[in-house]
Amino acid sequence: MLKSLTLSFSLAMFLQVSQAQLLQKILPASPFSDSLSKVVENYQHNYLDIQGPALQPDEDRDIFASSVGLPGASSCVIYRFHSRQDTTASWQALLYEGGDYKDASKAYKNAIKHLKQTRFQVGMRKISFDGEVVAPTEDLRFTTSIFKPTEYTDTYKNFIAEVEMLNSLEGWIVRLNLHSRKQDTERYQ
């Protein structure tokens, strides 16, 4: 009796896992998450594989178009800073720019939702993001939610994904930033 009960339980668990894996293969991720995972995976190569043509540089950085964009983003760029200490690049998508707080808040929340659904390849594993969501309010000039990979790897040790909503003189701006940020203890030694 115990043997057949154990066998039945094992079979049920196997079918449950198989069904979940099958559904994951049949139901594709969103185009936003697919594109975002390509960008995040390219962080391992300092975004060189997705670097497009050069744009007008700033005083402290070179700016390049990104050959991989996000659905709904008005621009996606790669920043290369003129620093001898930190040669990592950053990637940024402009997700909203306008005067309506409700639309900006919706773009901010959607970016966070898609970010949390994104899984990206690191070696032989797929990992995702985890972080604390900071809810936007119309009274604040800026709101930022920061996410880190769910598993520690050497390559992604300082990597963060930052969704920010800013209130500027021109209106509201929502951006997604992917970059390296050292801990304060490392930064100021």
C-alpha atoms as a PDB file:
ATOM      1  CA  MET A   1       0.000   0.000   0.000  1.00  0.00           C
ATOM      2  CA  LEU A   2       2.746   2.436   0.975  1.00  0.00           C
ATOM      3  CA  LYS A   3       4.669   1.515  -2.170  1.00  0.00           C
ATOM      4  CA  SER A   4       1.738   2.269  -4.490  1.00  0.00           C
ATOM      5  CA  LEU A   5       0.948   5.494  -2.599  1.00  0.00           C
ATOM      6  CA  THR A   6       4.575   6.639  -2.984  1.00  0.00           C
ATOM      7  CA  LEU A   7       4.530   5.688  -6.670  1.00  0.00           C
ATOM      8  CA  SER A   8       1.255   7.589  -7.235  1.00  0.00           C
ATOM      9  CA  PHE A   9       2.600  10.680  -5.468  1.00  0.00           C
ATOM     10  CA  SER A  10       5.853  10.565  -7.482  1.00  0.00           C
ATOM     11  CA  LEU A  11       3.926  10.212 -10.738  1.00  0.00           C
ATOM     12  CA  ALA A  12       1.642  13.140  -9.834  1.00  0.00           C
ATOM     13  CA  MET A  13       4.658  15.367  -9.022  1.00  0.00           C
ATOM     14  CA  PHE A  14       6.379  14.368 -12.275  1.00  0.00           C
ATOM     15  CA  LEU A  15       3.287  15.227 -14.321  1.00  0.00           C
ATOM     16  CA  GLN A  16       2.872  18.568 -12.500  1.00  0.00           C
ATOM     17  CA  VAL A  17       6.495  19.590 -13.226  1.00  0.00           C
ATOM     18  CA  SER A  18       6.293  18.356 -16.826  1.00  0.00           C
ATOM     19  CA  GLN A  19       3.071  20.304 -17.407  1.00  0.00           C
ATOM     20  CA  ALA A  20       4.604  23.502 -15.979  1.00  0.00           C
ATOM     21  CA  GLN A  21       7.695  23.126 -18.171  1.00  0.00           C
ATOM     22  CA  LEU A  22       5.549  22.423 -21.233  1.00  0.00           C
ATOM     23  CA  LEU A  23       3.379  25.489 -20.582  1.00  0.00           C
ATOM     24  CA  GLN A  24       6.494  27.633 -20.151  1.00  0.00           C
ATOM     25  CA  LYS A  25       7.740  26.491 -23.565  1.00  0.00           C
ATOM     26  CA  ILE A  26       4.341  26.925 -25.261  1.00  0.00           C
ATOM     27  CA  LEU A  27       3.443  30.299 -23.718  1.00  0.00           C
ATOM     28  CA  PRO A  28       6.170  32.748 -24.722  1.00  0.00           C
ATOM     29  CA  ALA A  29       7.423  35.557 -22.504  1.00  0.00           C
ATOM     30  CA  SER A  30       6.336  39.073 -23.378  1.00  0.00           C
ATOM     31  CA  PRO A  31       8.248  40.893 -26.144  1.00  0.00           C
ATOM     32  CA  PHE A  32       9.351  43.421 -23.495  1.00  0.00           C
ATOM     33  CA  SER A  33      10.843  40.670 -21.294  1.00  0.00           C
ATOM     34  CA  ASP A  34      12.456  38.931 -24.287  1.00  0.00           C
ATOM     35  CA  SER A  35      14.153  42.149 -25.405  1.00  0.00           C
ATOM     36  CA  LEU A  36      15.149  43.055 -21.868  1.00  0.00           C
ATOM     37  CA  SER A  37      16.748  39.645 -21.292  1.00  0.00           C
ATOM     38  CA  LYS A  38      18.880  40.158 -24.445  1.00  0.00           C
ATOM     39  CA  VAL A  39      20.093  43.488 -23.070  1.00  0.00           C
ATOM     40  CA  VAL A  40      20.760  42.123 -19.576  1.00  0.00           C
ATOM     41  CA  GLU A  41      22.640  39.120 -20.953  1.00  0.00           C
ATOM     42  CA  ASN A  42      24.767  41.491 -23.023  1.00  0.00           C
ATOM     43  CA  TYR A  43      25.928  43.256 -19.851  1.00  0.00           C
ATOM     44  CA  GLN A  44      28.442  40.375 -19.655  1.00  0.00           C
ATOM     45  CA  HIS A  45      30.059  41.878 -22.786  1.00  0.00           C
ATOM     46  CA  ASN A  46      29.761  45.490 -21.560  1.00  0.00           C
ATOM     47  CA  TYR A  47      26.938  45.992 -24.120  1.00  0.00           C
ATOM     48  CA  LEU A  48      29.430  45.852 -27.016  1.00  0.00           C
ATOM     49  CA  ASP A  49      27.367  43.307 -28.993  1.00  0.00           C
ATOM     50  CA  ILE A  50      24.316  45.597 -29.032  1.00  0.00           C
ATOM     51  CA  GLN A  51      26.123  48.911 -29.482  1.00  0.00           C
ATOM     52  CA  GLY A  52      24.803  50.855 -32.456  1.00  0.00           C
ATOM     53  CA  PRO A  53      25.982  54.089 -34.058  1.00  0.00           C
ATOM     54  CA  ALA A  54      27.538  56.873 -32.015  1.00  0.00           C
ATOM     55  CA  LEU A  55      25.290  59.761 -30.978  1.00  0.00           C
ATOM     56  CA  GLN A  56      26.212  63.258 -29.824  1.00  0.00           C
ATOM     57  CA  PRO A  57      28.535  62.754 -26.799  1.00  0.00           C
ATOM     58  CA  ASP A  58      28.340  64.585 -23.479  1.00  0.00           C
ATOM     59  CA  GLU A  59      31.335  66.100 -21.731  1.00  0.00           C
ATOM     60  CA  ASP A  60      31.860  63.050 -19.501  1.00  0.00           C
ATOM     61  CA  ARG A  61      30.550  60.217 -21.649  1.00  0.00           C
ATOM     62  CA  ASP A  62      30.153  58.791 -25.127  1.00  0.00           C
ATOM     63  CA  ILE A  63      26.611  57.872 -26.151  1.00  0.00           C
ATOM     64  CA  PHE A  64      25.593  55.121 -28.568  1.00  0.00           C
ATOM     65  CA  ALA A  65      22.262  53.918 -29.877  1.00  0.00           C
ATOM     66  CA  SER A  66      21.322  50.438 -28.690  1.00  0.00           C
ATOM     67  CA  SER A  67      20.575  47.926 -31.444  1.00  0.00           C
ATOM     68  CA  VAL A  68      18.159  46.194 -29.044  1.00  0.00           C
ATOM     69  CA  GLY A  69      15.221  48.276 -27.896  1.00  0.00           C
ATOM     70  CA  LEU A  70      12.220  47.732 -25.674  1.00  0.00           C
ATOM     71  CA  PRO A  71       8.664  47.805 -27.013  1.00  0.00           C
ATOM     72  CA  GLY A  72       7.142  51.188 -26.194  1.00  0.00           C
ATOM     73  CA  ALA A  73      10.469  52.888 -25.425  1.00  0.00           C
ATOM     74  CA  SER A  74      11.126  56.125 -27.308  1.00  0.00           C
ATOM     75  CA  SER A  75      14.904  55.647 -27.087  1.00  0.00           C
ATOM     76  CA  CYS A  76      17.435  53.098 -25.865  1.00  0.00           C
ATOM     77  CA  VAL A  77      21.053  54.166 -25.458  1.00  0.00           C
ATOM     78  CA  ILE A  78      24.376  52.951 -24.107  1.00  0.00           C
ATOM     79  CA  TYR A  79      26.572  55.286 -22.085  1.00  0.00           C
ATOM     80  CA  ARG A  80      30.344  54.841 -21.945  1.00  0.00           C
ATOM     81  CA  PHE A  81      31.857  57.051 -19.269  1.00  0.00           C
ATOM     82  CA  HIS A  82      35.314  58.606 -19.429  1.00  0.00           C
ATOM     83  CA  SER A  83      36.600  56.894 -16.291  1.00  0.00           C
ATOM     84  CA  ARG A  84      39.831  55.032 -15.702  1.00  0.00           C
ATOM     85  CA  GLN A  85      38.524  53.379 -12.540  1.00  0.00           C
ATOM     86  CA  ASP A  86      35.236  52.015 -13.869  1.00  0.00           C
ATOM     87  CA  THR A  87      35.046  51.044 -17.533  1.00  0.00           C
ATOM     88  CA  THR A  88      31.604  49.444 -17.377  1.00  0.00           C
ATOM     89  CA  ALA A  89      28.940  50.913 -19.603  1.00  0.00           C
ATOM     90  CA  SER A  90      25.328  51.589 -18.704  1.00  0.00           C
ATOM     91  CA  TRP A  91      22.171  51.051 -20.727  1.00  0.00           C
ATOM     92  CA  GLN A  92      19.075  53.238 -20.543  1.00  0.00           C
ATOM     93  CA  ALA A  93      15.560  53.128 -22.013  1.00  0.00           C
ATOM     94  CA  LEU A  94      13.237  56.129 -22.009  1.00  0.00           C
ATOM     95  CA  LEU A  95       9.811  54.607 -21.363  1.00  0.00           C
ATOM     96  CA  TYR A  96       7.658  57.699 -20.888  1.00  0.00           C
ATOM     97  CA  GLU A  97       7.965  61.444 -21.341  1.00  0.00           C
ATOM     98  CA  GLY A  98       4.932  63.670 -20.906  1.00  0.00           C
ATOM     99  CA  GLY A  99       2.766  65.763 -18.653  1.00  0.00           C
ATOM    100  CA  ASP A 100       0.293  63.178 -17.333  1.00  0.00           C
ATOM    101  CA  TYR A 101       1.095  61.727 -13.896  1.00  0.00           C
ATOM    102  CA  LYS A 102      -1.308  58.790 -14.346  1.00  0.00           C
ATOM    103  CA  ASP A 103       0.334  57.744 -17.633  1.00  0.00           C
ATOM    104  CA  ALA A 104       3.805  58.077 -16.095  1.00  0.00           C
ATOM    105  CA  SER A 105       2.742  56.021 -13.076  1.00  0.00           C
ATOM    106  CA  LYS A 106       1.315  53.339 -15.367  1.00  0.00           C
ATOM    107  CA  ALA A 107       4.567  53.200 -17.384  1.00  0.00           C
ATOM    108  CA  TYR A 108       6.575  52.964 -14.148  1.00  0.00           C
ATOM    109  CA  LYS A 109       4.452  50.112 -12.778  1.00  0.00           C
ATOM    110  CA  ASN A 110       4.449  48.258 -16.127  1.00  0.00           C
ATOM    111  CA  ALA A 111       8.232  48.484 -16.357  1.00  0.00           C
ATOM    112  CA  ILE A 112       8.531  46.978 -12.879  1.00  0.00           C
ATOM    113  CA  LYS A 113       6.050  44.208 -13.747  1.00  0.00           C
ATOM    114  CA  HIS A 114       7.982  43.283 -16.901  1.00  0.00           C
ATOM    115  CA  LEU A 115      11.315  43.511 -15.114  1.00  0.00           C
ATOM    116  CA  LYS A 116      10.131  41.063 -12.446  1.00  0.00           C
ATOM    117  CA  GLN A 117       8.945  38.649 -15.176  1.00  0.00           C
ATOM    118  CA  THR A 118      12.262  38.757 -17.038  1.00  0.00           C
ATOM    119  CA  ARG A 119      14.571  35.760 -16.790  1.00  0.00           C
ATOM    120  CA  PHE A 120      18.056  35.920 -18.245  1.00  0.00           C
ATOM    121  CA  GLN A 121      20.788  33.410 -18.968  1.00  0.00           C
ATOM    122  CA  VAL A 122      23.944  33.380 -16.830  1.00  0.00           C
ATOM    123  CA  GLY A 123      26.113  30.408 -17.700  1.00  0.00           C
ATOM    124  CA  MET A 124      23.873  27.369 -17.586  1.00  0.00           C
ATOM    125  CA  ARG A 125      21.212  28.988 -15.369  1.00  0.00           C
ATOM    126  CA  LYS A 126      18.294  31.318 -15.905  1.00  0.00           C
ATOM    127  CA  ILE A 127      17.911  33.903 -13.159  1.00  0.00           C
ATOM    128  CA  SER A 128      15.561  36.792 -12.510  1.00  0.00           C
ATOM    129  CA  PHE A 129      15.352  40.047 -10.545  1.00  0.00           C
ATOM    130  CA  ASP A 130      14.266  40.822  -7.032  1.00  0.00           C
ATOM    131  CA  GLY A 131      13.928  44.146  -5.279  1.00  0.00           C
ATOM    132  CA  GLU A 132      11.750  46.478  -3.309  1.00  0.00           C
ATOM    133  CA  VAL A 133       9.089  48.392  -5.217  1.00  0.00           C
ATOM    134  CA  VAL A 134       8.742  52.023  -4.218  1.00  0.00           C
ATOM    135  CA  ALA A 135       5.249  53.259  -5.064  1.00  0.00           C
ATOM    136  CA  PRO A 136       5.129  56.569  -6.943  1.00  0.00           C
ATOM    137  CA  THR A 137       3.203  59.567  -5.674  1.00  0.00           C
ATOM    138  CA  GLU A 138       2.479  62.813  -7.413  1.00  0.00           C
ATOM    139  CA  ASP A 139       3.984  64.763  -4.508  1.00  0.00           C
ATOM    140  CA  LEU A 140       7.527  63.382  -4.953  1.00  0.00           C
ATOM    141  CA  ARG A 141       9.938  64.785  -7.523  1.00  0.00           C
ATOM    142  CA  PHE A 142      11.386  61.325  -8.107  1.00  0.00           C
ATOM    143  CA  THR A 143      10.748  57.684  -7.269  1.00  0.00           C
ATOM    144  CA  THR A 144      13.209  54.846  -7.833  1.00  0.00           C
ATOM    145  CA  SER A 145      12.853  51.079  -7.463  1.00  0.00           C
ATOM    146  CA  ILE A 146      16.085  49.068  -7.534  1.00  0.00           C
ATOM    147  CA  PHE A 147      16.352  45.393  -8.458  1.00  0.00           C
ATOM    148  CA  LYS A 148      19.268  42.962  -8.331  1.00  0.00           C
ATOM    149  CA  PRO A 149      19.719  39.480  -9.785  1.00  0.00           C
ATOM    150  CA  THR A 150      18.232  36.788  -7.537  1.00  0.00           C
ATOM    151  CA  GLU A 151      21.456  34.770  -7.559  1.00  0.00           C
ATOM    152  CA  TYR A 152      24.977  35.964  -6.869  1.00  0.00           C
ATOM    153  CA  THR A 153      27.451  35.637  -9.754  1.00  0.00           C
ATOM    154  CA  ASP A 154      30.837  37.275 -10.246  1.00  0.00           C
ATOM    155  CA  THR A 155      29.722  38.916 -13.483  1.00  0.00           C
ATOM    156  CA  TYR A 156      26.553  40.409 -12.006  1.00  0.00           C
ATOM    157  CA  LYS A 157      28.005  41.169  -8.557  1.00  0.00           C
ATOM    158  CA  ASN A 158      27.354  44.946  -8.788  1.00  0.00           C
ATOM    159  CA  PHE A 159      24.644  44.873 -11.468  1.00  0.00           C
ATOM    160  CA  ILE A 160      21.346  46.655 -10.804  1.00  0.00           C
ATOM    161  CA  ALA A 161      18.196  47.412 -12.740  1.00  0.00           C
ATOM    162  CA  GLU A 162      16.700  50.737 -11.750  1.00  0.00           C
ATOM    163  CA  VAL A 163      13.236  51.965 -12.717  1.00  0.00           C
ATOM    164  CA  GLU A 164      12.910  55.676 -12.063  1.00  0.00           C
ATOM    165  CA  MET A 165      10.083  58.178 -12.385  1.00  0.00           C
ATOM    166  CA  LEU A 166      11.088  61.849 -12.375  1.00  0.00           C
ATOM    167  CA  ASN A 167       9.076  65.039 -12.285  1.00  0.00           C
ATOM    168  CA  SER A 168      10.981  67.682 -14.238  1.00  0.00           C
ATOM    169  CA  LEU A 169      10.056  71.135 -15.495  1.00  0.00           C
ATOM    170  CA  GLU A 170       8.968  69.578 -18.798  1.00  0.00           C
ATOM    171  CA  GLY A 171       6.778  66.916 -17.165  1.00  0.00           C
ATOM    172  CA  TRP A 172       7.160  63.301 -16.099  1.00  0.00           C
ATOM    173  CA  ILE A 173       9.942  60.961 -17.252  1.00  0.00           C
ATOM    174  CA  VAL A 174      10.145  57.191 -16.710  1.00  0.00           C
ATOM    175  CA  ARG A 175      13.447  55.425 -17.403  1.00  0.00           C
ATOM    176  CA  LEU A 176      14.907  51.966 -17.004  1.00  0.00           C
ATOM    177  CA  ASN A 177      18.631  51.957 -16.226  1.00  0.00           C
ATOM    178  CA  LEU A 178      20.853  48.868 -16.295  1.00  0.00           C
ATOM    179  CA  HIS A 179      24.291  49.408 -14.831  1.00  0.00           C
ATOM    180  CA  SER A 180      26.906  48.544 -12.258  1.00  0.00           C
ATOM    181  CA  ARG A 181      26.826  50.149  -8.829  1.00  0.00           C
ATOM    182  CA  LYS A 182      29.406  49.360  -6.190  1.00  0.00           C
ATOM    183  CA  GLN A 183      28.544  49.232  -2.509  1.00  0.00           C
ATOM    184  CA  ASP A 184      29.295  52.446  -0.590  1.00  0.00           C
ATOM    185  CA  THR A 185      32.017  50.652   1.373  1.00  0.00           C
ATOM    186  CA  GLU A 186      33.820  49.779  -1.886  1.00  0.00           C
ATOM    187  CA  ARG A 187      33.217  53.140  -3.536  1.00  0.00           C
ATOM    188  CA  TYR A 188      34.745  55.437  -0.917  1.00  0.00           C
ATOM    189  CA  GLN A 189      37.923  53.593   0.078  1.00  0.00           C
END
